[in-house]
Amino acid sequence: MLFFGRFTLSAEILNVNKRFVTLKASFRFYS
């Protein structure tokens, strides 16, 4: 259970990081 929670936490961080990168890329594209 602890390992599963740690895996979901890292996956959530990866998802947020990916979203931030795409947001930054789109911001750079518009400006």
Protein backbone atom coordinates (compact mmCIF):
# COMPACT_ATOMS: atom_id res chain seq x y z
CA MET A 1 0.00 0.00 0.00
CA LEU A 2 2.84 2.36 0.86
CA PHE A 3 4.62 1.50 -2.38
CA PHE A 4 1.41 2.06 -4.35
CA GLY A 5 0.90 5.45 -2.71
CA ARG A 6 4.46 6.44 -3.50
CA PHE A 7 3.99 5.35 -7.11
CA THR A 8 0.80 7.39 -7.52
CA LEU A 9 2.51 10.37 -5.90
CA SER A 10 5.42 10.23 -8.35
CA ALA A 11 2.99 9.75 -11.24
CA GLU A 12 1.03 12.80 -10.08
CA ILE A 13 4.25 14.86 -9.92
CA LEU A 14 5.18 13.68 -13.42
CA ASN A 15 1.73 14.61 -14.70
CA VAL A 16 1.93 18.10 -13.17
CA ASN A 17 5.46 18.55 -14.54
CA LYS A 18 4.34 17.51 -18.03
CA ARG A 19 1.40 19.90 -17.87
CA PHE A 20 3.71 22.74 -16.76
CA VAL A 21 6.09 22.04 -19.65
CA THR A 22 3.27 22.08 -22.21
CA LEU A 23 1.88 25.25 -20.64
CA LYS A 24 5.28 26.93 -20.82
CA ALA A 25 5.73 25.81 -24.42
CA SER A 26 2.33 27.15 -25.44
CA PHE A 27 3.04 30.42 -23.61
CA ARG A 28 6.32 30.76 -25.50
CA PHE A 29 4.48 30.00 -28.74
CA TYR A 30 1.91 32.74 -28.16
CA SER A 31 4.32 35.41 -26.93
